[in-house]
Amino acid sequence: ALTFYRCNGLVLKGVRHINSQRNHITISNCKDVTFSNLHISAPKTSPNTDGDDCIAISSGSSHINITGMACGPGHGISIGALGAHGEDTVEELHVRNCTLKGTMTGVRIKTWQALEMHGGSHSRKSGSFELIAPIIIDQYYCPSRVNCKNEDRRCTYRSIIGTSTTDKVINLSCDQNVGCTDIQFNYVYITPTDVPGKKAYAFSFNAHENYTHTIPVVKGLQA
């Protein structure tokens, strides 16, 4: 519905969108952009929109601050998929004090997997997430299963409190060769919704660094 291309010093505030076609707002090749007080209405029964992600972040994005956002339903905040056609970079992404309700995920990072450890391109990403759940890192994103590549990353998840309709509330699926490095969990508490017999758990494969005050325990990371 609204696209900004090669804009510097852009300020957008007080805009309302209802059932926008496809993406609601797109920012491309812009610098020093500030959006505030936006109201976007597109329920799951909306006849037009396919903007499933609350916010989608693609390659080449850096120094992004997302604060005080409320969203749902949808897919939450998604980074990627990265690394399909070469080296991709997303860095200095900070998400704070956000509320996602009824979304498929909270924060999701998707990168293409690798055929060879040294043969593919590598993306390095850094960021922090606060007050948002559940959590997914998917380094095996390769829907076609052809020409898959490999990535690595560093992330901090801090002060996250939330519930999930699934019992796997943390999913760190990292590449078997490089894996995820410098993954930090601090004061993260995620529980499943109140369903009898359901117990929250975290899945971790080849993820490294540490966690403190985190429930469920993230096996594979150092306490």
Protein backbone atom coordinates (compact mmCIF):
# COMPACT_ATOMS: atom_id res chain seq x y z
CA ALA A 1 0.00 0.00 0.00
CA LEU A 2 2.84 2.38 0.80
CA THR A 3 6.46 2.11 -0.40
CA PHE A 4 9.45 4.31 0.40
CA TYR A 5 12.55 3.91 -1.79
CA ARG A 6 15.87 5.72 -1.35
CA CYS A 7 14.55 8.13 1.26
CA ASN A 8 16.85 9.80 3.80
CA GLY A 9 15.67 11.41 7.03
CA LEU A 10 12.17 10.02 6.57
CA VAL A 11 9.56 10.60 9.30
CA LEU A 12 6.13 8.93 9.17
CA LYS A 13 3.61 9.19 12.00
CA GLY A 14 -0.09 8.99 12.70
CA VAL A 15 -0.91 6.84 9.65
CA ARG A 16 -3.83 4.39 9.65
CA HIS A 17 -4.13 1.44 7.25
CA ILE A 18 -7.12 -0.89 6.93
CA ASN A 19 -6.86 -4.16 4.94
CA SER A 20 -3.95 -2.96 2.83
CA GLN A 21 -3.18 -5.03 -0.23
CA ARG A 22 -0.05 -7.18 0.20
CA ASN A 23 2.54 -5.47 2.46
CA HIS A 24 1.22 -2.52 4.38
CA ILE A 25 4.41 -0.43 4.39
CA THR A 26 7.69 -1.21 2.63
CA ILE A 27 11.02 0.53 3.27
CA SER A 28 13.85 -0.08 0.78
CA ASN A 29 17.30 1.53 0.47
CA CYS A 30 16.41 4.17 3.07
CA LYS A 31 18.47 5.75 5.85
CA ASP A 32 17.57 7.51 9.10
CA VAL A 33 13.89 6.49 9.10
CA THR A 34 11.49 7.02 12.01
CA PHE A 35 7.97 5.55 12.11
CA SER A 36 5.69 6.23 15.07
CA ASN A 37 2.04 6.07 16.11
CA LEU A 38 1.03 3.74 13.26
CA HIS A 39 -2.29 1.87 13.36
CA ILE A 40 -2.66 -1.05 10.96
CA SER A 41 -5.82 -3.15 10.94
CA ALA A 42 -5.75 -6.42 9.01
CA PRO A 43 -7.47 -9.29 10.83
CA LYS A 44 -7.01 -12.89 9.71
CA THR A 45 -10.28 -12.59 7.78
CA SER A 46 -9.00 -9.61 5.80
CA PRO A 47 -9.84 -10.01 2.07
CA ASN A 48 -6.71 -8.34 0.68
CA THR A 49 -3.58 -8.51 2.76
CA ASP A 50 -0.89 -11.19 2.61
CA GLY A 51 1.38 -9.28 4.98
CA ASP A 52 1.55 -12.16 7.46
CA ASP A 53 4.59 -10.87 9.32
CA CYS A 54 4.06 -8.06 11.79
CA ILE A 55 7.50 -6.84 10.73
CA ALA A 56 9.69 -8.53 8.11
CA ILE A 57 13.40 -7.64 7.97
CA SER A 58 15.48 -8.49 4.91
CA SER A 59 19.16 -8.43 4.00
CA GLY A 60 21.15 -5.21 4.23
CA SER A 61 19.22 -3.88 7.23
CA SER A 62 21.10 -2.42 10.18
CA HIS A 63 20.66 -0.31 13.32
CA ILE A 64 16.95 -0.97 13.68
CA ASN A 65 15.02 -0.23 16.89
CA ILE A 66 11.50 -1.63 17.34
CA THR A 67 9.93 -0.40 20.58
CA GLY A 68 6.44 -0.55 22.06
CA MET A 69 4.80 -2.44 19.21
CA ALA A 70 1.60 -4.46 19.68
CA CYS A 71 0.61 -6.95 16.99
CA GLY A 72 -1.47 -10.05 16.34
CA PRO A 73 -2.46 -12.33 14.77
CA GLY A 74 0.23 -13.02 12.17
CA HIS A 75 3.74 -14.49 12.06
CA GLY A 76 5.39 -12.14 14.54
CA ILE A 77 8.73 -10.49 13.75
CA SER A 78 10.66 -12.34 11.05
CA ILE A 79 14.26 -11.93 9.92
CA GLY A 80 15.09 -13.49 6.55
CA ALA A 81 15.20 -15.80 4.85
CA LEU A 82 18.87 -14.89 4.35
CA GLY A 83 21.73 -16.39 2.39
CA ALA A 84 19.86 -17.80 -0.60
CA HIS A 85 21.88 -15.95 -3.27
CA GLY A 86 25.06 -14.80 -1.53
CA GLU A 87 26.26 -13.06 1.59
CA ASP A 88 23.49 -11.37 3.58
CA THR A 89 23.80 -9.23 6.66
CA VAL A 90 21.34 -8.02 9.27
CA GLU A 91 22.94 -6.35 12.28
CA GLU A 92 22.19 -4.22 15.32
CA LEU A 93 18.50 -5.10 15.47
CA HIS A 94 16.93 -4.31 18.84
CA VAL A 95 13.36 -5.24 19.80
CA ARG A 96 12.10 -3.92 23.14
CA ASN A 97 8.84 -3.87 25.11
CA CYS A 98 6.70 -5.39 22.38
CA THR A 99 3.50 -7.40 22.76
CA LEU A 100 2.57 -10.10 20.25
CA LYS A 101 -0.76 -11.85 20.80
CA GLY A 102 -2.07 -14.80 18.80
CA THR A 103 0.95 -14.85 16.48
CA MET A 104 2.51 -18.00 15.04
CA THR A 105 5.92 -17.06 16.48
CA GLY A 106 7.43 -14.25 18.48
CA VAL A 107 10.81 -13.61 16.90
CA ARG A 108 11.98 -15.88 14.09
CA ILE A 109 15.34 -15.87 12.29
CA LYS A 110 15.48 -17.85 9.04
CA THR A 111 18.65 -18.62 7.05
CA TRP A 112 19.40 -21.05 4.27
CA GLN A 113 21.37 -24.14 5.17
CA ALA A 114 24.72 -25.19 3.64
CA LEU A 115 26.01 -27.88 1.31
CA GLU A 116 29.62 -27.23 2.35
CA MET A 117 31.05 -25.40 5.33
CA HIS A 118 33.45 -23.34 3.22
CA GLY A 119 31.60 -23.41 -0.07
CA GLY A 120 28.66 -21.20 0.69
CA SER A 121 28.24 -17.62 1.74
CA HIS A 122 27.92 -16.74 5.40
CA SER A 123 25.72 -14.18 7.06
CA ARG A 124 26.53 -12.66 10.41
CA LYS A 125 23.72 -11.16 12.39
CA SER A 126 23.58 -9.49 15.76
CA GLY A 127 20.69 -8.21 17.79
CA SER A 128 18.75 -8.26 21.01
CA PHE A 129 15.14 -9.05 21.85
CA GLU A 130 13.26 -8.03 24.98
CA LEU A 131 9.73 -8.87 26.15
CA ILE A 132 8.62 -11.05 23.28
CA ALA A 133 7.98 -14.81 22.79
CA PRO A 134 8.26 -17.59 21.59
CA ILE A 135 11.74 -17.85 20.05
CA ILE A 136 12.90 -19.57 16.84
CA ILE A 137 16.24 -19.75 15.05
CA ASP A 138 16.02 -21.81 11.87
CA GLN A 139 19.32 -22.33 10.06
CA TYR A 140 17.79 -25.06 7.94
CA TYR A 141 15.40 -22.83 6.01
CA CYS A 142 15.47 -24.25 2.49
CA PRO A 143 11.96 -24.98 1.25
CA SER A 144 13.08 -26.21 -2.17
CA ARG A 145 15.91 -28.35 -0.70
CA VAL A 146 18.11 -27.25 -3.63
CA ASN A 147 21.33 -25.13 -3.47
CA CYS A 148 21.05 -24.74 0.28
CA LYS A 149 23.66 -22.63 2.09
CA ASN A 150 24.95 -22.04 5.60
CA GLU A 151 24.87 -19.16 8.09
CA ASP A 152 25.96 -18.23 11.62
CA ARG A 153 24.81 -15.59 14.09
CA ARG A 154 24.96 -13.96 17.49
CA CYS A 155 21.86 -12.92 19.43
CA THR A 156 20.76 -11.90 22.89
CA TYR A 157 17.32 -12.69 24.28
CA ARG A 158 16.62 -10.75 27.46
CA SER A 159 13.67 -10.20 29.84
CA ILE A 160 11.21 -12.26 27.84
CA ILE A 161 7.94 -13.34 29.43
CA GLY A 162 5.25 -15.07 27.40
CA THR A 163 3.07 -18.06 26.62
CA SER A 164 2.96 -20.39 23.65
CA THR A 165 0.29 -22.66 22.20
CA THR A 166 3.03 -25.21 21.45
CA ASP A 167 5.12 -27.03 24.03
CA LYS A 168 8.38 -26.35 22.13
CA VAL A 169 8.70 -22.72 23.21
CA ILE A 170 12.37 -22.26 22.25
CA ASN A 171 13.73 -23.79 19.04
CA LEU A 172 17.40 -23.26 18.15
CA SER A 173 18.03 -25.32 15.00
CA CYS A 174 21.59 -24.39 14.07
CA ASP A 175 23.75 -25.64 11.23
CA GLN A 176 25.66 -28.85 11.98
CA ASN A 177 28.97 -27.43 10.65
CA VAL A 178 29.17 -23.83 11.88
CA GLY A 179 26.30 -23.62 14.35
CA CYS A 180 25.14 -20.57 16.30
CA THR A 181 27.73 -18.66 18.33
CA ASP A 182 27.32 -16.18 21.16
CA ILE A 183 23.67 -16.96 21.92
CA GLN A 184 22.67 -15.31 25.19
CA PHE A 185 19.49 -15.97 27.20
CA ASN A 186 18.90 -13.79 30.26
CA TYR A 187 15.70 -13.79 32.32
CA VAL A 188 13.59 -15.66 29.78
CA TYR A 189 10.39 -17.30 31.06
CA ILE A 190 8.05 -18.94 28.54
CA THR A 191 5.24 -21.33 29.40
CA PRO A 192 2.66 -23.18 27.30
CA THR A 193 -0.95 -22.15 27.41
CA ASP A 194 -3.04 -23.80 30.10
CA VAL A 195 -3.55 -27.23 28.54
CA PRO A 196 -3.59 -30.31 30.81
CA GLY A 197 -0.46 -32.43 30.46
CA LYS A 198 1.45 -29.92 28.34
CA LYS A 199 4.96 -29.06 29.51
CA ALA A 200 7.19 -26.43 27.95
CA TYR A 201 10.62 -27.45 26.66
CA ALA A 202 13.49 -25.96 24.67
CA PHE A 203 15.19 -27.60 21.69
CA SER A 204 18.80 -26.75 20.93
CA PHE A 205 21.12 -28.15 18.25
CA ASN A 206 24.71 -26.87 17.89
CA ALA A 207 23.94 -23.59 19.69
CA HIS A 208 26.66 -22.19 21.93
CA GLU A 209 27.25 -19.70 24.75
CA ASN A 210 25.15 -19.42 27.91
CA TYR A 211 21.86 -18.79 29.69
CA THR A 212 20.86 -17.45 33.10
CA HIS A 213 17.45 -17.40 34.78
CA THR A 214 15.74 -19.13 31.86
CA ILE A 215 12.74 -21.47 31.92
CA PRO A 216 12.64 -23.91 30.27
CA VAL A 217 16.32 -24.79 30.48
CA VAL A 218 18.12 -24.55 27.14
CA LYS A 219 20.22 -27.70 26.98
CA GLY A 220 23.45 -27.27 25.06
CA LEU A 221 24.05 -23.76 26.38
CA GLN A 222 26.12 -23.23 29.51
CA ALA A 223 24.32 -22.20 32.67
